[in-house]
Amino acid sequence: MKALIISIDNESSLKKLIAFAKKLRLRTKLVEADDAVQEHDDWMKLGMQNLAKAYGNDEPDIDNLAVKEPNPEYNPWKQGAL
C-alpha cells in the first residue's frame, strides 16, 4: 500500500479533494498536520529499530566464501546499465 500526504489550508478545496478521492475509490484519512508528522516519525522509528535488529552488530558477516555453489549465469547489476 502506498500513502500520499497532502497539506491543504482551504476547507472548500479539502472537501472537493475528498469527494474526488471517493469517486476514484481511494481510501482517505483526515488528520491534523501535527498528528500526521508524528505518525510518520513513529513509522520511521519503528522501521529503523527493525532494521537494527535484522542487521545488528552481533549478526555474522556473509561474504563470497559462504557461497557453496556459484551461479554461472549470475550477471551482477551495474548502476546505469538500464
N, C-alpha and C. Protein backbone atom coordinates (compact mmCIF):
# COMPACT_ATOMS: atom_id res chain seq x y z
N MET A 1 0.84 -1.16 0.00
CA MET A 1 0.00 0.00 0.00
C MET A 1 0.89 1.24 0.00
N LYS A 2 0.49 2.21 -0.75
CA LYS A 2 1.20 3.48 -0.82
C LYS A 2 0.38 4.55 -0.13
N ALA A 3 1.03 5.59 0.34
CA ALA A 3 0.33 6.69 1.01
C ALA A 3 0.75 8.00 0.36
N LEU A 4 -0.19 8.90 0.29
CA LEU A 4 0.05 10.24 -0.24
C LEU A 4 -0.39 11.23 0.82
N ILE A 5 0.50 12.11 1.21
CA ILE A 5 0.17 13.11 2.22
C ILE A 5 0.05 14.46 1.52
N ILE A 6 -1.09 15.09 1.72
CA ILE A 6 -1.36 16.39 1.09
C ILE A 6 -1.74 17.38 2.18
N SER A 7 -1.14 18.54 2.15
CA SER A 7 -1.49 19.61 3.09
C SER A 7 -2.35 20.64 2.37
N ILE A 8 -3.52 20.92 2.94
CA ILE A 8 -4.44 21.88 2.34
C ILE A 8 -4.91 22.84 3.42
N ASP A 9 -4.81 24.13 3.14
CA ASP A 9 -5.25 25.15 4.08
C ASP A 9 -6.70 25.56 3.83
N ASN A 10 -7.19 25.36 2.62
CA ASN A 10 -8.51 25.82 2.24
C ASN A 10 -9.54 24.71 2.44
N GLU A 11 -10.56 24.96 3.27
CA GLU A 11 -11.57 23.95 3.60
C GLU A 11 -12.36 23.48 2.38
N SER A 12 -12.71 24.41 1.48
CA SER A 12 -13.50 24.02 0.30
C SER A 12 -12.68 23.15 -0.65
N SER A 13 -11.40 23.44 -0.76
CA SER A 13 -10.53 22.60 -1.59
C SER A 13 -10.41 21.20 -1.00
N LEU A 14 -10.37 21.13 0.32
CA LEU A 14 -10.27 19.85 1.00
C LEU A 14 -11.51 19.00 0.72
N LYS A 15 -12.68 19.59 0.82
CA LYS A 15 -13.92 18.86 0.56
C LYS A 15 -13.97 18.35 -0.88
N LYS A 16 -13.53 19.18 -1.83
CA LYS A 16 -13.51 18.77 -3.24
C LYS A 16 -12.53 17.62 -3.45
N LEU A 17 -11.39 17.69 -2.81
CA LEU A 17 -10.37 16.65 -2.95
C LEU A 17 -10.87 15.32 -2.37
N ILE A 18 -11.53 15.36 -1.22
CA ILE A 18 -12.06 14.14 -0.61
C ILE A 18 -13.15 13.54 -1.50
N ALA A 19 -14.03 14.38 -2.06
CA ALA A 19 -15.08 13.89 -2.96
C ALA A 19 -14.46 13.24 -4.20
N PHE A 20 -13.41 13.85 -4.73
CA PHE A 20 -12.72 13.30 -5.90
C PHE A 20 -12.08 11.95 -5.56
N ALA A 21 -11.45 11.86 -4.41
CA ALA A 21 -10.81 10.62 -4.00
C ALA A 21 -11.84 9.50 -3.84
N LYS A 22 -13.00 9.83 -3.31
CA LYS A 22 -14.06 8.82 -3.15
C LYS A 22 -14.56 8.33 -4.51
N LYS A 23 -14.65 9.23 -5.49
CA LYS A 23 -15.05 8.82 -6.84
C LYS A 23 -14.04 7.83 -7.43
N LEU A 24 -12.79 7.99 -7.07
CA LEU A 24 -11.74 7.09 -7.55
C LEU A 24 -11.63 5.84 -6.67
N ARG A 25 -12.48 5.75 -5.66
CA ARG A 25 -12.49 4.64 -4.71
C ARG A 25 -11.18 4.53 -3.94
N LEU A 26 -10.64 5.68 -3.58
CA LEU A 26 -9.43 5.73 -2.76
C LEU A 26 -9.84 5.89 -1.31
N ARG A 27 -9.09 5.25 -0.44
CA ARG A 27 -9.34 5.44 0.99
C ARG A 27 -8.74 6.76 1.43
N THR A 28 -9.47 7.47 2.23
CA THR A 28 -8.96 8.75 2.73
C THR A 28 -8.97 8.74 4.25
N LYS A 29 -8.04 9.45 4.81
CA LYS A 29 -7.97 9.61 6.26
C LYS A 29 -7.56 11.04 6.52
N LEU A 30 -8.39 11.76 7.22
CA LEU A 30 -8.13 13.15 7.52
C LEU A 30 -7.53 13.25 8.92
N VAL A 31 -6.34 13.81 9.00
CA VAL A 31 -5.69 14.00 10.29
C VAL A 31 -5.13 15.42 10.35
N GLU A 32 -4.96 15.90 11.55
CA GLU A 32 -4.33 17.20 11.73
C GLU A 32 -2.86 17.09 11.33
N ALA A 33 -2.29 18.16 10.86
CA ALA A 33 -0.92 18.14 10.35
C ALA A 33 0.07 17.63 11.40
N ASP A 34 -0.07 18.05 12.63
CA ASP A 34 0.86 17.62 13.68
C ASP A 34 0.77 16.12 13.91
N ASP A 35 -0.46 15.56 13.84
CA ASP A 35 -0.65 14.12 14.02
C ASP A 35 0.00 13.34 12.88
N ALA A 36 -0.12 13.84 11.66
CA ALA A 36 0.46 13.16 10.51
C ALA A 36 1.98 13.12 10.60
N VAL A 37 2.56 14.22 11.03
CA VAL A 37 4.02 14.27 11.18
C VAL A 37 4.47 13.30 12.26
N GLN A 38 3.75 13.27 13.37
CA GLN A 38 4.10 12.36 14.46
C GLN A 38 3.95 10.90 14.01
N GLU A 39 2.88 10.58 13.28
CA GLU A 39 2.68 9.21 12.80
C GLU A 39 3.80 8.81 11.85
N HIS A 40 4.18 9.71 10.97
CA HIS A 40 5.29 9.43 10.04
C HIS A 40 6.58 9.17 10.81
N ASP A 41 6.85 10.02 11.79
CA ASP A 41 8.06 9.85 12.60
C ASP A 41 8.05 8.51 13.35
N ASP A 42 6.86 8.13 13.84
CA ASP A 42 6.74 6.84 14.55
C ASP A 42 7.03 5.66 13.62
N TRP A 43 6.50 5.71 12.41
CA TRP A 43 6.75 4.63 11.44
C TRP A 43 8.23 4.57 11.06
N MET A 44 8.85 5.72 10.89
CA MET A 44 10.28 5.75 10.54
C MET A 44 11.11 5.16 11.69
N LYS A 45 10.78 5.51 12.91
CA LYS A 45 11.50 5.00 14.07
C LYS A 45 11.33 3.49 14.17
N LEU A 46 10.11 2.99 13.96
CA LEU A 46 9.87 1.55 14.00
C LEU A 46 10.67 0.83 12.92
N GLY A 47 10.70 1.39 11.73
CA GLY A 47 11.47 0.78 10.65
C GLY A 47 12.96 0.74 10.97
N MET A 48 13.48 1.81 11.51
CA MET A 48 14.90 1.84 11.84
C MET A 48 15.23 0.85 12.96
N GLN A 49 14.33 0.70 13.92
CA GLN A 49 14.55 -0.26 15.00
C GLN A 49 14.58 -1.69 14.45
N ASN A 50 13.67 -2.00 13.55
CA ASN A 50 13.64 -3.35 13.00
C ASN A 50 14.83 -3.62 12.09
N LEU A 51 15.28 -2.63 11.35
CA LEU A 51 16.50 -2.81 10.55
C LEU A 51 17.70 -3.03 11.45
N ALA A 52 17.75 -2.33 12.56
CA ALA A 52 18.87 -2.51 13.50
C ALA A 52 18.87 -3.93 14.07
N LYS A 53 17.68 -4.48 14.31
CA LYS A 53 17.60 -5.86 14.78
C LYS A 53 18.07 -6.84 13.72
N ALA A 54 17.66 -6.60 12.47
CA ALA A 54 18.00 -7.52 11.39
C ALA A 54 19.47 -7.45 11.00
N TYR A 55 20.05 -6.26 11.09
CA TYR A 55 21.44 -6.07 10.68
C TYR A 55 22.27 -5.52 11.83
N GLY A 56 22.08 -6.08 13.00
CA GLY A 56 22.79 -5.61 14.18
C GLY A 56 24.27 -5.99 14.16
N ASN A 57 25.01 -5.44 15.10
CA ASN A 57 26.45 -5.70 15.19
C ASN A 57 26.76 -7.15 15.52
N ASP A 58 25.81 -7.84 16.15
CA ASP A 58 26.06 -9.23 16.53
C ASP A 58 25.73 -10.22 15.42
N GLU A 59 25.29 -9.73 14.26
CA GLU A 59 24.99 -10.61 13.12
C GLU A 59 26.27 -10.98 12.40
N PRO A 60 26.40 -12.24 11.96
CA PRO A 60 27.62 -12.63 11.25
C PRO A 60 27.68 -12.02 9.86
N ASP A 61 28.89 -11.74 9.40
CA ASP A 61 29.08 -11.25 8.04
C ASP A 61 29.00 -12.43 7.08
N ILE A 62 28.35 -12.21 5.97
CA ILE A 62 28.27 -13.24 4.93
C ILE A 62 29.00 -12.69 3.73
N ASP A 63 30.01 -13.39 3.31
CA ASP A 63 30.79 -12.92 2.17
C ASP A 63 30.75 -13.97 1.06
N ASN A 64 31.54 -13.78 0.03
CA ASN A 64 31.56 -14.70 -1.11
C ASN A 64 32.00 -16.11 -0.71
N LEU A 65 32.73 -16.24 0.37
CA LEU A 65 33.19 -17.55 0.80
C LEU A 65 32.03 -18.41 1.29
N ALA A 66 30.92 -17.79 1.65
CA ALA A 66 29.77 -18.55 2.12
C ALA A 66 28.99 -19.20 0.97
N VAL A 67 29.25 -18.79 -0.26
CA VAL A 67 28.57 -19.37 -1.42
C VAL A 67 29.18 -20.73 -1.71
N LYS A 68 28.35 -21.77 -1.62
CA LYS A 68 28.85 -23.12 -1.82
C LYS A 68 28.91 -23.50 -3.29
N GLU A 69 27.96 -23.00 -4.07
CA GLU A 69 27.93 -23.32 -5.50
C GLU A 69 27.60 -22.05 -6.27
N PRO A 70 28.58 -21.44 -6.90
CA PRO A 70 28.33 -20.18 -7.63
C PRO A 70 27.39 -20.41 -8.82
N ASN A 71 26.60 -19.41 -9.12
CA ASN A 71 25.70 -19.46 -10.27
C ASN A 71 26.45 -18.93 -11.49
N PRO A 72 26.74 -19.79 -12.49
CA PRO A 72 27.49 -19.34 -13.66
C PRO A 72 26.72 -18.33 -14.50
N GLU A 73 25.40 -18.27 -14.36
CA GLU A 73 24.59 -17.34 -15.14
C GLU A 73 24.39 -16.00 -14.44
N TYR A 74 24.96 -15.86 -13.24
CA TYR A 74 24.80 -14.62 -12.47
C TYR A 74 25.46 -13.48 -13.20
N ASN A 75 24.69 -12.41 -13.39
CA ASN A 75 25.19 -11.22 -14.04
C ASN A 75 24.96 -10.04 -13.08
N PRO A 76 26.00 -9.58 -12.41
CA PRO A 76 25.80 -8.50 -11.43
C PRO A 76 25.23 -7.25 -12.08
N TRP A 77 24.30 -6.64 -11.36
CA TRP A 77 23.69 -5.41 -11.84
C TRP A 77 24.70 -4.26 -11.70
N LYS A 78 24.78 -3.45 -12.73
CA LYS A 78 25.66 -2.29 -12.70
C LYS A 78 24.82 -1.04 -12.82
N GLN A 79 25.10 -0.06 -11.97
CA GLN A 79 24.34 1.19 -11.98
C GLN A 79 24.48 1.86 -13.34
N GLY A 80 23.37 2.30 -13.87
CA GLY A 80 23.38 2.97 -15.16
C GLY A 80 23.25 2.01 -16.33
N ALA A 81 23.12 0.71 -16.06
CA ALA A 81 23.06 -0.28 -17.13
C ALA A 81 21.69 -0.31 -17.80
N LEU A 82 20.65 0.21 -17.12
CA LEU A 82 19.31 0.16 -17.71
C LEU A 82 19.06 1.25 -18.66
